[in-house]
Protein backbone atom coordinates (compact mmCIF):
# COMPACT_ATOMS: atom_id res chain seq x y z
CA MET A 1 0.89 60.59 78.84
CA THR A 2 4.52 60.80 77.88
CA ASP A 3 4.33 62.38 74.55
CA ILE A 4 5.73 65.82 75.47
CA SER A 5 5.42 67.36 71.98
CA ARG A 6 1.71 66.69 71.95
CA ARG A 7 0.75 66.83 75.59
CA SER A 8 3.07 69.61 76.81
CA PHE A 9 3.12 67.99 80.24
CA THR A 10 6.74 68.79 81.39
CA LEU A 11 8.26 68.34 84.82
CA MET A 12 8.40 72.13 85.12
CA THR A 13 4.69 72.48 84.46
CA ILE A 14 4.15 70.10 87.33
CA LEU A 15 6.56 71.75 89.74
CA SER A 16 5.10 75.12 88.97
CA SER A 17 1.61 73.87 90.03
CA LEU A 18 2.94 72.48 93.42
CA THR A 19 2.82 75.82 95.26
CA GLY A 20 1.79 75.88 98.86
CA ARG A 21 0.47 73.02 100.92
CA VAL A 22 0.01 72.22 104.72
CA ALA A 23 -0.80 70.61 108.12
CA ARG A 24 -0.87 66.99 109.00
CA LEU A 25 1.89 64.32 109.30
CA GLY A 26 3.60 62.59 106.35
CA ARG A 27 5.98 59.76 106.92
CA ASP A 28 9.65 59.98 107.66
CA ILE A 29 11.64 61.12 104.62
CA THR A 30 14.04 58.52 103.26
CA PRO A 31 16.76 60.04 101.06
CA ALA A 32 17.45 58.24 97.74
CA GLY A 33 19.85 55.37 97.85
CA SER A 34 18.45 54.02 101.06
CA GLN A 35 15.88 51.86 99.68
CA VAL A 36 14.47 49.01 101.76
CA SER A 37 15.82 45.70 100.83
CA ALA A 38 12.61 43.99 99.87
CA PRO A 39 10.74 45.84 97.05
CA PRO A 40 7.41 47.16 98.00
CA ILE A 41 5.45 45.14 95.43
CA ASP A 42 1.76 45.75 95.65
CA GLY A 43 -0.39 43.42 93.54
CA PRO A 44 -2.23 40.24 93.58
CA ASP A 45 -0.26 37.00 94.27
CA ASP A 46 -0.98 35.50 90.95
CA LEU A 47 0.10 38.54 88.82
CA PRO A 48 3.90 38.87 88.24
CA ILE A 49 5.11 42.32 88.82
CA GLU A 50 8.60 43.55 88.11
CA TRP A 51 10.18 46.23 90.42
CA ILE A 52 11.66 49.00 88.45
CA PRO A 53 11.91 51.92 90.89
CA ALA A 54 11.33 55.58 90.14
CA PRO A 55 14.11 57.73 91.55
CA TYR A 56 13.50 60.14 94.37
CA GLU A 57 16.63 62.33 93.98
CA GLN A 58 17.87 65.88 94.07
CA TYR A 59 19.22 66.65 90.61
CA GLY A 60 20.18 70.33 90.89
CA PRO A 61 20.97 73.15 93.30
CA GLY A 62 18.27 73.91 95.85
CA LEU A 63 15.82 71.63 97.49
CA ALA A 64 13.23 72.27 94.95
CA LYS A 65 15.23 70.67 92.19
CA TYR A 66 14.33 67.09 92.83
CA GLY A 67 12.14 64.27 91.20
CA ASN A 68 10.40 62.41 90.13
CA HIS A 69 7.72 61.89 92.72
CA ASP A 70 6.84 62.74 96.36
CA ILE A 71 7.28 60.93 99.66
CA ALA A 72 3.99 60.48 101.49
CA HIS A 73 2.12 58.02 103.81
CA ARG A 74 -0.83 56.93 101.79
CA PRO A 75 -3.48 55.62 102.23
CA SER A 76 -3.70 57.30 105.68
CA SER A 77 -2.24 60.62 104.51
CA PRO A 78 -3.53 61.48 101.96
CA LEU A 79 -6.31 59.02 101.40
CA LEU A 80 -6.50 56.92 98.37
CA THR A 81 -9.79 57.43 96.47
CA ARG A 82 -9.03 56.99 92.74
CA VAL A 83 -7.31 54.75 90.10
CA VAL A 84 -6.34 56.74 86.99
CA ILE A 85 -6.07 54.80 83.68
CA HIS A 86 -3.41 56.33 81.23
CA ASP A 87 -1.85 55.37 77.97
CA THR A 88 1.95 56.02 77.44
CA GLU A 89 2.04 57.64 74.04
CA GLU A 90 5.42 55.89 73.85
CA THR A 91 6.70 52.33 73.56
CA TYR A 92 7.14 50.34 76.73
CA ASP A 93 10.92 50.49 76.49
CA THR A 94 10.94 54.26 76.20
CA THR A 95 8.40 54.56 79.05
CA ILE A 96 10.64 52.59 81.26
CA LYS A 97 13.55 54.83 80.44
CA LEU A 98 11.49 57.96 81.22
CA VAL A 99 10.14 56.84 84.56
CA GLN A 100 13.84 56.19 85.83
CA THR A 101 14.75 59.78 84.94
CA PRO A 102 14.85 62.00 88.05
CA SER A 103 14.01 65.13 86.16
CA TYR A 104 10.91 63.52 84.51
CA LEU A 105 7.68 62.25 85.98
CA ALA A 106 6.61 59.03 87.90
CA TRP A 107 3.53 56.86 88.01
CA ASN A 108 2.76 53.71 89.93
CA TYR A 109 2.74 51.01 87.29
CA THR A 110 3.47 50.48 83.58
CA LEU A 111 1.71 47.66 81.52
CA ARG A 112 3.16 46.23 78.28
CA SER A 113 0.88 45.82 75.40
CA SER A 114 2.15 42.60 73.95
CA ASP A 115 1.73 40.29 76.97
CA GLY A 116 0.30 42.42 79.75
CA HIS A 117 3.54 42.48 81.80
CA VAL A 118 3.45 44.79 84.76
CA ALA A 119 6.16 46.97 86.16
CA GLN A 120 5.84 48.87 89.37
CA HIS A 121 7.70 52.07 90.08
CA LEU A 122 6.59 53.60 93.40
CA ASP A 123 6.13 52.50 96.97
CA PRO A 124 2.17 52.64 97.25
CA GLN A 125 2.58 55.19 100.06
CA ASP A 126 4.16 57.80 97.67
CA VAL A 127 2.67 60.30 95.27
CA GLY A 128 3.38 60.03 91.62
CA TRP A 129 3.18 63.01 89.22
CA HIS A 130 0.91 61.76 86.50
CA SER A 131 -2.56 63.35 86.35
CA GLY A 132 -1.95 67.12 85.81
CA ASN A 133 -3.97 67.88 88.93
CA TRP A 134 -2.17 67.77 92.16
CA TYR A 135 -5.40 66.94 94.13
CA TYR A 136 -5.82 63.78 91.89
CA ASN A 137 -2.06 63.06 92.30
CA MET A 138 -2.54 63.09 96.01
CA HIS A 139 -5.47 60.62 96.00
CA ALA A 140 -4.85 58.33 93.00
CA THR A 141 -2.90 55.44 91.83
CA GLY A 142 -1.72 55.88 88.17
CA LEU A 143 -1.48 53.04 85.68
CA GLU A 144 0.27 53.77 82.35
CA HIS A 145 -0.71 51.38 79.54
CA GLU A 146 1.57 50.95 76.60
CA GLY A 147 -0.17 52.55 73.57
CA ARG A 148 -1.28 55.70 71.70
CA ALA A 149 -4.83 56.94 72.11
CA VAL A 150 -5.46 57.55 68.42
CA GLU A 151 -4.37 53.92 67.73
CA GLY A 152 -5.91 52.27 70.69
CA MET A 153 -7.64 49.51 68.85
CA SER A 154 -4.24 47.99 67.99
CA TRP A 155 -2.50 48.67 71.39
CA TYR A 156 -5.17 47.75 74.05
CA THR A 157 -4.82 44.06 73.88
CA ASP A 158 -6.77 41.41 75.87
CA ALA A 159 -3.60 40.49 77.77
CA MET A 160 -3.10 44.08 78.91
CA TYR A 161 -6.73 44.46 79.81
CA ARG A 162 -6.61 41.29 81.95
CA SER A 163 -3.53 42.34 83.70
CA SER A 164 -4.73 45.76 84.38
CA ALA A 165 -8.18 44.62 85.72
CA ALA A 166 -6.43 42.03 88.05
CA LEU A 167 -4.17 44.68 89.47
CA VAL A 168 -6.96 47.30 89.76
CA ARG A 169 -9.25 44.99 91.45
CA HIS A 170 -6.53 44.23 94.07
CA LEU A 171 -5.83 47.86 94.56
CA CYS A 172 -9.52 48.64 95.07
CA ARG A 173 -10.17 45.89 97.53
CA LYS A 174 -6.98 46.70 99.47
CA TYR A 175 -7.53 50.41 99.79
CA ALA A 176 -11.30 50.47 99.79
CA VAL A 177 -11.59 52.27 96.57
CA PRO A 178 -15.09 51.80 95.16
CA MET A 179 -15.05 49.78 91.82
CA THR A 180 -17.29 52.43 90.04
CA ARG A 181 -16.72 54.46 86.92
CA GLY A 182 -16.47 57.51 89.10
CA HIS A 183 -13.59 56.11 90.97
CA ILE A 184 -11.75 54.17 88.22
CA ILE A 185 -11.31 56.76 85.63
CA GLY A 186 -9.38 57.81 82.55
CA HIS A 187 -6.82 60.74 82.62
CA ASP A 188 -9.33 62.36 80.24
CA GLU A 189 -11.82 62.63 83.05
CA VAL A 190 -9.53 64.40 85.48
CA PRO A 191 -10.58 68.05 85.74
CA GLY A 192 -8.27 71.00 85.10
CA ILE A 193 -7.38 72.88 88.43
CA ASP A 194 -8.69 76.03 86.99
CA THR A 195 -9.89 77.58 83.60
CA GLU A 196 -6.35 78.19 82.41
CA HIS A 197 -5.47 74.53 82.68
CA ILE A 198 -8.42 72.93 81.06
CA LYS A 199 -7.04 73.14 77.60
CA THR A 200 -3.87 71.40 78.47
CA MET A 201 -5.31 68.55 80.32
CA HIS A 202 -4.76 65.13 78.72
CA TRP A 203 -7.34 62.98 76.95
CA ASP A 204 -5.94 59.48 77.29
CA PRO A 205 -6.76 56.51 77.24
CA GLY A 206 -9.00 57.89 74.54
CA PRO A 207 -12.18 56.62 72.81
CA TYR A 208 -10.91 53.23 71.92
CA TRP A 209 -10.54 52.05 75.53
CA ASN A 210 -13.34 49.54 76.14
CA TRP A 211 -14.67 50.64 79.53
CA ALA A 212 -17.55 48.02 79.35
CA ARG A 213 -15.10 45.18 78.77
CA TYR A 214 -12.66 46.42 81.43
CA PHE A 215 -15.42 46.52 84.05
CA GLU A 216 -16.50 43.07 83.16
CA LEU A 217 -12.97 41.90 83.84
CA LEU A 218 -13.17 43.58 87.13
CA GLY A 219 -16.10 41.64 88.06
CA CYS A 220 -18.40 44.72 88.10
CA PRO A 221 -20.34 44.97 84.89
CA LEU A 222 -21.50 48.42 84.13
CA THR A 223 -25.09 47.12 83.69
CA ASP A 224 -25.16 46.26 87.39
CA GLY A 225 -27.64 48.50 89.33
CA THR A 226 -29.40 49.60 86.09
CA THR A 227 -32.69 48.89 84.36
CA ASP A 228 -33.84 49.24 80.73
CA ALA A 229 -36.67 51.51 81.67
CA GLU A 230 -37.43 54.39 79.33
CA PRO A 231 -35.67 57.33 80.75
CA GLN A 232 -37.86 60.16 82.23
CA PRO A 233 -37.06 63.76 83.39
CA GLY A 234 -35.39 63.46 86.83
CA ASP A 235 -34.05 59.93 86.22
CA VAL A 236 -30.36 59.21 86.35
CA VAL A 237 -28.90 57.48 83.33
CA ARG A 238 -25.57 55.68 82.82
CA ILE A 239 -23.91 56.02 79.39
CA LEU A 240 -23.77 52.49 77.94
CA PRO A 241 -23.38 52.26 74.13
CA ASP A 242 -22.55 48.84 72.72
CA PHE A 243 -18.79 49.42 72.10
CA ALA A 244 -18.58 47.09 69.20
CA SER A 245 -21.49 48.71 67.10
CA ASN A 246 -21.29 52.21 68.65
CA THR A 247 -20.80 54.57 65.62
CA GLN A 248 -19.84 58.18 65.94
CA VAL A 249 -18.09 60.94 63.93
CA TYR A 250 -14.55 61.08 65.31
CA ASP A 251 -11.56 62.92 63.91
CA GLY A 252 -13.75 63.95 60.87
CA ARG A 253 -14.85 60.52 59.86
CA VAL A 254 -17.49 57.92 60.79
CA VAL A 255 -15.92 55.36 63.20
CA THR A 256 -17.42 52.22 64.62
CA GLY A 257 -16.09 50.79 67.96
CA LEU A 258 -15.93 53.78 70.37
CA ASN A 259 -16.62 54.44 74.06
CA PHE A 260 -18.58 57.73 73.85
CA VAL A 261 -21.85 59.25 72.82
CA THR A 262 -21.86 62.70 71.22
CA ALA A 263 -23.72 65.44 73.02
CA ARG A 264 -25.59 68.10 70.88
CA GLN A 265 -27.31 71.38 71.51
CA ALA A 266 -30.76 70.24 70.27
CA PRO A 267 -32.49 67.02 69.68
CA SER A 268 -31.15 66.50 66.00
CA GLN A 269 -28.11 64.86 64.40
CA ASP A 270 -27.73 68.10 62.47
CA ALA A 271 -27.54 70.13 65.65
CA PRO A 272 -24.09 71.46 66.70
CA ALA A 273 -22.18 69.77 69.41
CA VAL A 274 -22.36 71.20 72.84
CA VAL A 275 -19.88 73.90 74.05
CA ASP A 276 -17.22 73.28 76.62
CA ILE A 277 -16.15 76.77 77.18
CA GLY A 278 -13.00 75.60 79.00
CA ILE A 279 -11.81 74.23 75.74
CA ARG A 280 -13.07 76.48 73.21
CA PRO A 281 -15.81 79.24 72.83
CA GLY A 282 -17.76 77.48 70.13
CA PRO A 283 -19.19 73.94 69.68
CA ALA A 284 -16.92 70.95 70.43
CA THR A 285 -15.15 69.36 67.45
CA THR A 286 -14.37 65.82 66.41
CA GLU A 287 -10.67 66.33 66.90
CA PRO A 288 -9.18 63.40 68.99
CA SER A 289 -8.14 65.78 71.83
CA ASP A 290 -11.47 67.64 72.05
CA VAL A 291 -13.51 65.74 74.68
CA GLY A 292 -15.99 68.60 75.18
CA ALA A 293 -18.98 66.84 73.73
CA ARG A 294 -18.16 63.22 74.62
CA LEU A 295 -20.23 61.40 77.12
CA ASN A 296 -18.07 58.56 78.25
CA THR A 297 -19.15 54.95 78.87
CA GLY A 298 -20.11 54.62 82.55
CA ALA A 299 -20.63 58.37 83.24
CA GLU A 300 -23.91 59.19 84.85
CA TYR A 301 -26.07 62.25 84.37
CA VAL A 302 -29.64 63.40 85.36
CA VAL A 303 -32.20 63.56 82.66
CA ALA A 304 -33.57 67.18 82.27
CA GLU A 305 -35.92 66.56 79.28
CA VAL A 306 -37.13 63.87 76.78
CA GLY A 307 -38.08 64.91 73.15
CA GLY A 308 -37.17 64.86 69.60
CA GLN A 309 -38.46 62.65 66.90
CA ASP A 310 -40.35 59.55 68.53
CA ASP A 311 -39.03 60.83 71.90
CA GLU A 312 -35.69 59.10 71.08
CA TRP A 313 -33.58 62.00 72.34
CA ILE A 314 -32.79 62.79 75.87
CA ALA A 315 -31.26 66.00 77.40
CA VAL A 316 -29.10 65.70 80.48
CA TRP A 317 -27.44 68.35 82.59
CA TYR A 318 -23.92 68.83 81.49
CA LEU A 319 -21.49 71.70 82.13
CA GLY A 320 -24.39 73.88 83.09
CA ALA A 321 -26.59 73.36 80.07
CA LYS A 322 -28.79 70.75 78.44
CA ALA A 323 -26.78 68.21 76.34
CA TRP A 324 -28.98 66.20 73.96
CA LEU A 325 -28.05 62.62 73.00
CA HIS A 326 -29.66 60.16 70.61
CA ASN A 327 -31.15 57.14 72.45
CA PRO A 328 -33.02 55.02 69.86
CA VAL A 329 -35.43 52.42 71.01
CA ALA A 330 -33.78 49.77 68.88
CA GLN A 331 -30.33 50.47 70.22
CA PRO A 332 -30.34 52.41 73.39
CA VAL A 333 -27.20 54.05 74.63
CA VAL A 334 -28.22 54.66 78.25
CA ARG A 335 -29.71 52.63 81.15
CA VAL A 336 -31.63 54.01 84.07
CA VAL A 337 -29.88 53.94 87.40
CA PRO A 338 -32.50 53.88 90.24
CA GLY A 339 -31.57 55.27 93.56
CA ALA A 340 -28.52 57.11 92.38
CA ARG A 341 -27.46 60.04 94.61
CA THR A 342 -27.94 63.48 92.99
CA VAL A 343 -27.63 67.08 94.04
CA ARG A 344 -29.68 70.14 93.09
CA VAL A 345 -27.94 73.38 92.62
CA VAL A 346 -29.43 76.10 94.78
CA SER A 347 -26.93 78.95 94.33
CA ARG A 348 -25.45 79.82 90.89
CA THR A 349 -21.99 78.37 90.90
CA SER A 350 -19.10 77.33 88.59
CA GLY A 351 -17.72 74.28 90.39
CA TYR A 352 -14.12 73.45 91.09
CA GLY A 353 -11.40 71.04 89.86
CA ARG A 354 -10.28 70.10 93.32
CA ALA A 355 -11.43 70.12 96.91
CA PHE A 356 -8.81 72.25 98.61
CA PRO A 357 -9.05 73.58 102.19
CA GLU A 358 -10.31 77.07 103.00
CA ALA A 359 -7.71 79.78 103.60
CA SER A 360 -8.02 79.61 107.39
CA ALA A 361 -6.88 76.06 107.46
CA TYR A 362 -3.31 76.90 106.47
CA PRO A 363 -0.96 77.73 109.29
CA ASP A 364 1.11 80.05 106.89
CA PRO A 365 -0.55 82.47 104.50
CA GLY A 366 2.15 81.74 102.05
CA TRP A 367 0.90 78.15 101.75
CA VAL A 368 -2.67 79.05 100.78
CA GLN A 369 -4.03 77.63 97.57
CA PRO A 370 -6.28 79.83 95.34
CA ASP A 371 -9.99 79.09 95.56
CA ALA A 372 -9.98 78.81 91.72
CA THR A 373 -13.44 78.08 89.97
CA LEU A 374 -14.03 76.54 86.64
CA PRO A 375 -15.51 78.51 83.85
CA TYR A 376 -18.97 76.86 83.72
CA VAL A 377 -22.18 78.41 85.00
CA LEU A 378 -24.52 76.10 86.90
CA ASP A 379 -27.90 77.76 87.61
CA PRO A 380 -30.31 76.74 90.30
CA ASP A 381 -32.44 73.64 89.87
CA GLN A 382 -29.93 71.91 87.61
CA ARG A 383 -29.12 68.45 88.95
CA TYR A 384 -25.89 66.36 88.87
CA VAL A 385 -25.03 62.84 89.96
CA VAL A 386 -22.72 62.33 92.91
CA ILE A 387 -19.47 60.35 92.74
CA ASP A 388 -18.15 61.14 96.20
CA PRO A 389 -20.53 62.64 98.86
CA GLU A 390 -17.60 63.52 101.08
CA PRO A 391 -14.29 63.87 99.24
CA PRO A 392 -11.35 64.78 101.37
CA THR A 393 -10.78 68.45 101.84
CA ASP A 394 -7.02 68.62 101.94
CA TYR A 395 -3.85 69.69 100.41
CA TYR A 396 -0.60 67.69 100.68
CA ARG A 397 2.34 70.10 100.96
CA SER A 398 5.41 68.50 99.27
CA LYS A 399 7.63 70.92 97.38
CA THR A 400 11.20 70.15 98.47
CA PHE A 401 13.51 67.16 98.55
CA GLY A 402 13.69 65.49 101.91
CA SER A 403 12.52 68.30 104.07
CA PRO A 404 10.79 66.65 107.07
CA PRO A 405 7.49 67.82 108.80
CA PRO A 406 6.39 70.34 109.90
CA THR A 407 8.11 72.44 107.18
CA ASP A 408 7.15 70.01 104.33
CA HIS A 409 5.56 66.63 103.60
CA VAL A 410 2.45 67.54 105.66
CA ASP A 411 -1.34 67.28 104.87
CA VAL A 412 -3.54 70.18 105.49
CA ILE A 413 -7.04 69.22 106.40
CA GLY A 414 -9.88 71.76 105.76
CA GLN A 415 -13.48 72.08 107.10
CA ASP A 416 -15.16 73.14 103.82
CA ARG A 417 -17.34 70.42 102.43
CA TYR A 418 -17.72 69.40 98.71
CA VAL A 419 -19.35 66.81 96.55
CA CYS A 420 -17.67 65.31 93.63
CA VAL A 421 -19.88 65.05 90.60
CA PHE A 422 -20.04 64.01 86.90
CA LEU A 423 -19.92 67.66 85.74
CA GLY A 424 -19.25 67.13 82.07
CA HIS A 425 -16.77 64.86 80.36
CA ARG A 426 -14.56 65.47 83.30
CA GLN A 427 -15.35 65.35 86.95
CA GLY A 428 -15.95 68.39 89.10
CA TYR A 429 -16.52 69.47 92.66
CA LEU A 430 -19.45 71.55 94.17
CA LYS A 431 -19.48 73.11 97.55
CA VAL A 432 -22.14 71.73 99.74
CA THR A 433 -23.33 75.30 100.46
CA ASP A 434 -24.29 75.53 96.83
CA VAL A 435 -26.37 72.41 96.45
CA ARG A 436 -29.12 70.54 98.25
CA SER A 437 -30.09 66.96 98.59
CA ASP A 438 -32.24 64.81 101.00
CA TRP A 439 -29.25 62.69 101.79
CA LEU A 440 -27.25 65.74 102.66
CA GLY A 441 -29.77 66.63 105.30
CA ALA A 442 -30.35 69.93 103.81
């Protein structure tokens, strides 16, 4: 996450996205330098954690010149609903220096590759700046893992996996975050807030992160709740290739040991990859940063069609179109998920990258956030798998240093209802008025 030259994720980019917010209570604002005597370590008792605090400081003239995180009162305001897995794109030592810089960014934890050592940087109540989507910052805990996405196989050690899983298991149990792939996600699965921001979203921890192994360490194998039945139209399938033997074309070459399956426009290995119009107008490429045609391990989709040679191809609904993936009988890459919740699109929609309140929920018109849609076109009768049936509809206003409620550090609560779904490689939000499902009562 911290490689600025490659990721262009600067502090000013973040600050410019934090416009407007609003209406419920945050906690009392404590200026920098008045830290409590006991570090707010948040982790399991048997996992050593070093406290290396990120600064909350004003570094220039004007209350908007501050960093490198925001004061809040989580998990009550805003709620905690996600854990986001990152890689640092820097060495551990450089990452630690960066998180202590007021004009940079902050996240909750950094994990060292060599031995799994954990450093904590934020009070769990506070909001880090790490995901590139303010809604996800509001609701997520961010873990930075030392490593580089294109070299993940050499950085993602067993020691780091084990420390990370122990920490995430503790956090999920403490804050009632479901231990599912929709709630423990990669930075690459965080949606852009609008069309303009999709291209600049990050793609870490990348295709070498072994999600299946990680969830085994969490005690929640991704095979749980699945069957080996042959997928049929209308079924929900979970992407589950065997990591060690999974072979795909990546970065222009054939690579084995990856966490994704390639989605194509037709049931043939010669067919072009699907299009993610938010990234580029044509078929997705195999470039490391292009996640447009990658169906990640653990993601879930609704089968639209079965076909191809020997019926070894299945099409799933993906970004408003059918995405075909090869599912050979001898080495299947999906498992059926009986009873998974889905929604059916009833009104043409594009989806959203966040679940912000309606304009009338804001007490000041200057605080209203745009109702920005994504560039995808979802037609009626397409179906998508639900991650969250009732995600919080809110916006945490926090744009100045130390300003107390009600002028700042407040959470605006809206009445509009959304569902969070597996939209493509990244997650997305659909308004309840645009979908139907039996469990929605409509």
